[in-house]
Protein backbone atom coordinates (compact mmCIF):
# COMPACT_ATOMS: atom_id res chain seq x y z
CA MET A 1 46.60 232.75 243.04
CA LYS A 2 45.65 232.46 239.38
CA GLN A 3 48.56 232.28 236.97
CA TYR A 4 48.43 233.40 233.35
CA GLY A 5 51.19 231.59 231.51
CA PRO A 6 51.37 230.74 227.80
CA VAL A 7 48.88 227.88 228.02
CA GLU A 8 46.40 229.77 230.19
CA LEU A 9 46.45 232.83 227.95
CA ALA A 10 45.97 230.77 224.79
CA ASP A 11 43.13 228.84 226.40
CA LEU A 12 41.27 232.11 226.96
CA LEU A 13 41.11 232.86 223.23
CA PRO A 14 37.39 232.84 222.30
CA PHE A 15 37.37 230.57 219.27
CA PRO A 16 33.79 230.29 217.95
CA ASP A 17 31.74 227.14 218.24
CA PRO A 18 31.03 225.52 214.85
CA LEU A 19 27.29 225.95 215.47
CA CYS A 20 27.45 229.56 216.63
CA HIS A 21 25.62 232.56 215.21
CA LYS A 22 26.37 236.26 215.52
CA TYR A 23 24.36 236.71 218.71
CA SER A 24 25.79 233.64 220.43
CA ARG A 25 29.23 235.12 219.70
CA GLY A 26 28.29 238.14 221.78
CA LYS A 27 27.05 241.69 221.27
CA LEU A 28 28.94 244.78 222.35
CA THR A 29 27.01 248.04 222.47
CA LEU A 30 29.14 251.17 222.51
CA LEU A 31 28.05 254.66 223.60
CA VAL A 32 31.11 256.50 222.35
CA GLY A 33 32.62 259.27 220.25
CA SER A 34 31.84 262.93 219.67
CA ALA A 35 32.15 265.49 216.91
CA THR A 36 35.58 266.33 218.32
CA TYR A 37 36.74 262.71 218.59
CA PRO A 38 34.94 260.65 215.95
CA GLY A 39 37.95 258.38 215.54
CA ALA A 40 37.57 257.03 219.07
CA ALA A 41 34.21 255.52 218.18
CA SER A 42 35.60 253.92 215.04
CA LEU A 43 38.71 252.54 216.73
CA ALA A 44 36.90 251.06 219.73
CA ALA A 45 34.21 249.49 217.56
CA LEU A 46 36.61 247.90 215.06
CA ALA A 47 38.76 246.60 217.92
CA SER A 48 35.66 244.91 219.34
CA GLN A 49 35.08 243.13 216.05
CA ARG A 50 38.71 242.05 215.81
CA ALA A 51 38.48 240.67 219.36
CA GLY A 52 35.73 238.34 218.20
CA ALA A 53 32.42 239.99 219.12
CA GLY A 54 29.70 238.74 216.80
CA TYR A 55 27.69 241.96 216.75
CA THR A 56 29.02 245.45 217.39
CA ALA A 57 26.48 248.26 217.74
CA VAL A 58 27.62 251.86 218.01
CA TYR A 59 25.62 254.79 219.34
CA THR A 60 27.35 258.11 218.79
CA GLU A 61 26.78 261.80 218.21
CA GLY A 62 24.37 262.28 215.33
CA SER A 63 26.70 264.42 213.24
CA ILE A 64 29.30 261.64 212.92
CA VAL A 65 27.08 258.59 212.36
CA HIS A 66 27.87 258.40 208.65
CA GLN A 67 31.58 258.97 209.24
CA VAL A 68 31.80 256.05 211.68
CA GLN A 69 29.69 253.85 209.40
CA ALA A 70 31.96 254.60 206.46
CA TYR A 71 35.02 253.57 208.47
CA GLN A 72 33.70 250.01 208.79
CA PRO A 73 30.54 249.07 206.85
CA SER A 74 29.86 245.98 208.99
CA LEU A 75 29.24 248.15 212.05
CA VAL A 76 25.70 249.00 213.09
CA VAL A 77 25.82 252.74 213.81
CA ARG A 78 23.05 254.93 215.19
CA SER A 79 22.68 258.27 216.91
CA TRP A 80 22.64 258.66 220.69
CA SER A 81 19.08 259.92 220.31
CA ASP A 82 18.06 256.45 219.07
CA TRP A 83 19.34 254.74 222.21
CA ASP A 84 16.99 253.96 225.05
CA THR A 85 17.23 251.79 228.13
CA GLN A 86 14.51 249.56 226.70
CA TYR A 87 17.22 248.24 224.39
CA VAL A 88 19.54 247.33 227.28
CA ALA A 89 19.52 243.53 227.33
CA ALA A 90 20.74 241.28 230.09
CA SER A 91 23.70 239.06 229.33
CA GLU A 92 22.57 235.44 228.94
CA PRO A 93 24.71 232.32 228.40
CA ASP A 94 23.36 231.79 224.88
CA ARG A 95 23.28 235.51 224.02
CA PRO A 96 26.06 237.22 225.98
CA CYS A 97 26.51 240.96 225.80
CA ALA A 98 28.41 243.87 227.31
CA TYR A 99 28.52 247.65 227.12
CA LEU A 100 31.26 250.22 226.59
CA VAL A 101 30.73 253.90 227.39
CA GLY A 102 32.87 257.01 227.19
CA SER A 103 35.62 256.49 224.61
CA GLY A 104 35.91 259.77 222.72
CA PHE A 105 33.41 261.71 224.82
CA ASP A 106 34.24 265.40 224.58
CA ASP A 107 34.11 267.51 227.77
CA LEU A 108 31.44 265.56 229.60
CA ASP A 109 28.17 267.46 229.31
CA THR A 110 24.70 266.91 230.76
CA TYR A 111 23.59 264.68 227.89
CA THR A 112 26.52 262.26 227.95
CA SER A 113 26.42 262.28 231.75
CA GLN A 114 22.81 261.12 231.56
CA LEU A 115 23.72 258.43 229.03
CA THR A 116 26.38 257.10 231.39
CA ARG A 117 24.10 257.19 234.41
CA ARG A 118 21.20 255.48 232.61
CA LEU A 119 23.47 252.75 231.31
CA LEU A 120 25.02 252.00 234.69
CA LYS A 121 21.58 251.94 236.28
CA SER A 122 19.90 249.66 233.75
CA ALA A 123 22.53 247.25 232.39
CA ASP A 124 22.43 243.74 233.83
CA ALA A 125 25.65 242.98 232.00
CA PRO A 126 29.30 244.04 232.20
CA VAL A 127 29.89 247.76 231.61
CA LEU A 128 33.31 249.16 230.72
CA VAL A 129 33.72 252.86 231.51
CA ASP A 130 36.45 254.62 229.54
CA GLY A 131 37.60 258.05 228.44
CA GLY A 132 35.31 260.99 229.10
CA ALA A 133 32.80 258.91 231.04
CA LEU A 134 35.41 258.40 233.77
CA ASN A 135 34.92 262.05 234.70
CA ILE A 136 31.41 261.37 235.96
CA LEU A 137 32.36 258.51 238.28
CA SER A 138 33.34 260.79 241.12
CA ALA A 139 29.78 262.19 241.38
CA LYS A 140 28.01 260.73 244.41
CA LYS A 141 25.00 259.47 242.45
CA ILE A 142 27.28 257.57 240.11
CA ARG A 143 29.40 256.22 242.94
CA ASP A 144 26.20 254.94 244.49
CA LEU A 145 25.33 253.22 241.19
CA THR A 146 28.68 251.46 240.92
CA ALA A 147 28.33 250.37 244.55
CA GLN A 148 24.86 249.00 243.83
CA ARG A 149 26.14 247.17 240.78
CA TYR A 150 28.91 245.65 242.90
CA ARG A 151 26.44 244.45 245.53
CA ARG A 152 24.27 242.91 242.80
CA GLY A 153 27.26 241.09 241.33
CA GLN A 154 27.25 243.20 238.16
CA THR A 155 30.66 243.90 236.70
CA THR A 156 31.90 247.44 236.12
CA ILE A 157 35.37 247.98 234.66
CA VAL A 158 37.24 251.27 234.50
CA THR A 159 40.28 251.90 232.30
CA PRO A 160 41.98 255.12 233.47
CA HIS A 161 45.44 256.37 232.69
CA MET A 162 47.39 257.85 235.59
CA GLY A 163 45.94 261.35 235.18
CA GLU A 164 42.37 260.06 235.19
CA ALA A 165 43.19 257.73 238.08
CA ALA A 166 44.50 260.66 240.13
CA ARG A 167 41.22 262.53 239.62
CA LEU A 168 39.21 259.47 240.65
CA ALA A 169 41.42 259.02 243.72
CA LYS A 170 41.04 262.62 244.85
CA ILE A 171 37.38 262.26 245.82
CA PHE A 172 38.31 259.50 248.29
CA ASN A 173 41.48 261.28 249.41
CA LEU A 174 43.61 258.34 248.28
CA LYS A 175 47.22 259.32 248.80
CA THR A 176 49.22 256.69 246.94
CA THR A 177 50.97 257.57 243.72
CA GLU A 178 52.17 254.03 243.02
CA PRO A 179 50.15 252.65 240.10
CA ASP A 180 49.75 249.14 241.50
CA GLU A 181 48.39 250.40 244.82
CA MET A 182 46.31 252.99 242.97
CA ALA A 183 44.62 250.25 240.94
CA LEU A 184 43.82 248.29 244.09
CA GLN A 185 42.48 251.26 246.03
CA LEU A 186 40.35 252.54 243.15
CA ALA A 187 38.84 249.09 242.68
CA GLN A 188 37.98 248.95 246.38
CA ALA A 189 36.67 252.51 246.57
CA TYR A 190 34.39 252.33 243.53
CA GLY A 191 33.44 248.65 243.55
CA VAL A 192 34.94 248.07 240.12
CA ILE A 193 37.71 246.24 238.32
CA CYS A 194 40.42 248.77 237.56
CA VAL A 195 42.72 248.50 234.55
CA LEU A 196 45.29 251.19 235.23
CA LYS A 197 47.28 252.16 232.15
CA SER A 198 50.84 253.30 232.76
CA HIS A 199 54.30 252.22 231.60
CA ASP A 200 53.18 248.89 233.03
CA THR A 201 49.54 247.86 233.24
CA PHE A 202 47.97 247.00 236.58
CA ILE A 203 44.65 245.20 237.00
CA SER A 204 42.85 244.87 240.31
CA ASP A 205 39.48 243.50 241.36
CA GLY A 206 39.88 245.01 244.81
CA GLN A 207 41.47 241.90 246.27
CA GLU A 208 44.51 241.14 244.15
CA ILE A 209 46.74 243.07 241.77
CA LEU A 210 47.96 241.73 238.45
CA ALA A 211 50.94 243.37 236.78
CA MET A 212 51.59 243.24 233.04
CA ARG A 213 55.01 244.47 231.95
CA GLU A 214 54.84 243.46 228.30
CA GLY A 215 54.50 246.24 225.78
CA THR A 216 56.22 249.08 224.00
CA ALA A 217 56.51 252.86 224.06
CA ALA A 218 54.82 252.80 220.65
CA LEU A 219 51.52 252.50 222.51
CA ALA A 220 51.97 256.02 223.90
CA LYS A 221 49.89 257.58 221.14
CA ALA A 222 46.38 258.98 220.90
CA GLY A 223 43.74 256.36 220.16
CA THR A 224 45.49 253.31 221.58
CA GLY A 225 43.37 253.52 224.74
CA ASP A 226 40.21 253.43 222.62
CA VAL A 227 41.54 250.29 220.95
CA LEU A 228 42.23 248.66 224.32
CA ALA A 229 38.72 249.48 225.55
CA GLY A 230 37.25 247.95 222.40
CA ILE A 231 39.33 244.78 222.73
CA ILE A 232 38.36 244.22 226.36
CA GLY A 233 34.75 245.13 225.59
CA GLY A 234 34.64 242.64 222.73
CA LEU A 235 35.95 239.88 224.99
CA LEU A 236 33.47 240.75 227.74
CA ALA A 237 30.66 240.64 225.20
CA GLN A 238 31.50 237.00 224.48
CA GLY A 239 30.79 236.05 228.09
CA MET A 240 34.40 235.89 229.25
CA ASP A 241 35.18 236.28 232.95
CA ALA A 242 35.88 239.96 233.57
CA VAL A 243 39.40 239.63 234.99
CA ASP A 244 40.29 237.11 232.28
CA ALA A 245 39.02 239.55 229.64
CA CYS A 246 41.15 242.34 231.09
CA VAL A 247 44.25 240.13 231.22
CA LEU A 248 43.80 238.74 227.72
CA GLY A 249 42.82 242.12 226.30
CA THR A 250 45.81 243.98 227.69
CA THR A 251 48.15 241.16 226.62
CA LEU A 252 46.86 241.16 223.05
CA HIS A 253 47.00 244.96 222.94
CA ALA A 254 50.61 245.00 224.17
CA ARG A 255 51.73 242.24 221.84
CA ALA A 256 50.07 243.84 218.85
CA GLY A 257 52.05 246.96 219.67
CA VAL A 258 55.28 244.97 219.81
CA PHE A 259 54.62 243.25 216.48
CA ALA A 260 53.65 246.55 214.86
CA SER A 261 56.83 248.15 216.21
CA ASP A 262 58.96 245.35 214.80
CA ASP A 263 57.64 246.08 211.32
CA LEU A 264 57.00 249.82 211.47
CA THR A 265 59.34 251.02 214.28
CA GLU A 266 58.11 252.51 217.54
CA ILE A 267 58.18 255.92 215.88
CA CYS A 268 55.62 255.12 213.21
CA VAL A 269 53.05 252.93 214.97
CA CYS A 270 49.55 254.44 215.18
CA ALA A 271 46.41 253.21 216.93
CA GLU A 272 45.07 251.75 213.70
CA ASP A 273 48.15 249.55 213.47
CA ILE A 274 47.35 247.95 216.84
CA ILE A 275 44.08 246.67 215.38
CA ARG A 276 45.83 245.52 212.21
CA TYR A 277 48.37 243.50 214.20
CA LEU A 278 45.90 241.86 216.58
CA PRO A 279 45.87 238.66 214.49
CA HIS A 280 49.66 238.45 214.93
CA ALA A 281 49.22 238.76 218.69
CA ILE A 282 46.59 236.02 218.73
CA LYS A 283 48.77 233.71 216.65
CA SER A 284 51.67 234.31 219.03
CA LEU A 285 49.57 233.04 221.94
CA ILE A 286 48.66 229.92 220.00
CA LYS A 287 52.31 229.35 219.13
CA GLY A 288 53.34 229.98 222.73
CA LYS A 289 50.97 227.29 223.97
CA GLN A 290 52.26 224.80 221.40
CA GLU A 291 55.87 225.48 222.37
CA GLU A 292 55.08 225.25 226.07
CA GLN A 293 53.39 221.92 225.61
CA VAL A 294 56.45 220.45 223.91
CA GLY A 295 58.81 222.04 226.41
CA GLU A 296 60.47 224.37 223.94
CA ILE A 297 59.45 227.74 225.31
CA THR A 298 62.36 229.93 226.35
CA GLU A 299 60.91 233.45 226.50
CA SER A 300 58.73 235.19 229.04
CA PHE A 301 55.09 235.56 228.06
CA GLY A 302 54.19 237.79 230.97
CA PRO A 303 55.70 240.21 233.37
CA ASP A 304 58.18 237.92 235.13
CA VAL A 305 60.85 235.37 234.26
CA THR A 306 58.52 232.42 234.77
CA GLY A 307 56.39 233.48 231.83
CA THR A 308 53.30 234.27 233.89
CA TRP A 309 51.46 237.33 234.99
CA SER A 310 52.41 238.27 238.54
CA LEU A 311 50.11 238.73 241.48
């Protein structure tokens, strides 16, 4: 049983090597957004940068390329039509990478379905499936792809909320409505790591379930899921173990929400504020480790009274 206490969480923080360059710090490629939801592309991409990814490349609907680029000039933004599987690199120790697909996809159409399928088929690197792309996972051809990726040892992560999880469960006739069991069963059925977003967050790799009960109702706003996907994607892109990336990403996301709420109130917090308060969340993990090491810690840094994530 792996425990994630204050020291373990802080030790996961991906501080850059003094001799690093932007590619050694990891590249996240995002296939995201739509004319209806351009903000999702911007939020996920900026969250990736804040999580430490050295290079964040966005492919989105052509009509919003300039809008996403204007949101953050340091992003590399191109149209979906410019993306091809020949650009899908394998993740290597000295040039790690990962992929994020689906945040902000409007009603999944043939084109974005093909993008999702081609990515899952060709990427020899972690792929995080979020938002509109989750709707395609129940198709048999896509289920076969996730199963193949699982057998090849390739990581696929899904980040559904309870409504999306229920739709994914229906195809396998999964009956449970308990979010922890739902996360486990979805992970087993699809051959993925499931990050199930609810009042509490549950992460399962199909063998164990991790529960994270830290957070705030302020996170129940549009766009915060795009931010979470970008944070986890940015950590994956740096070569972090997939479960570790999910644990650290959800912890930072929750803490940023708490810090934002302290300053702005739970009423006023928006998705953009979660990104703005990520540095506060990171600093809190560093401080928590320091206090733990000198025996001064008194608060829980996880879902239970021992200050660890629970399994």
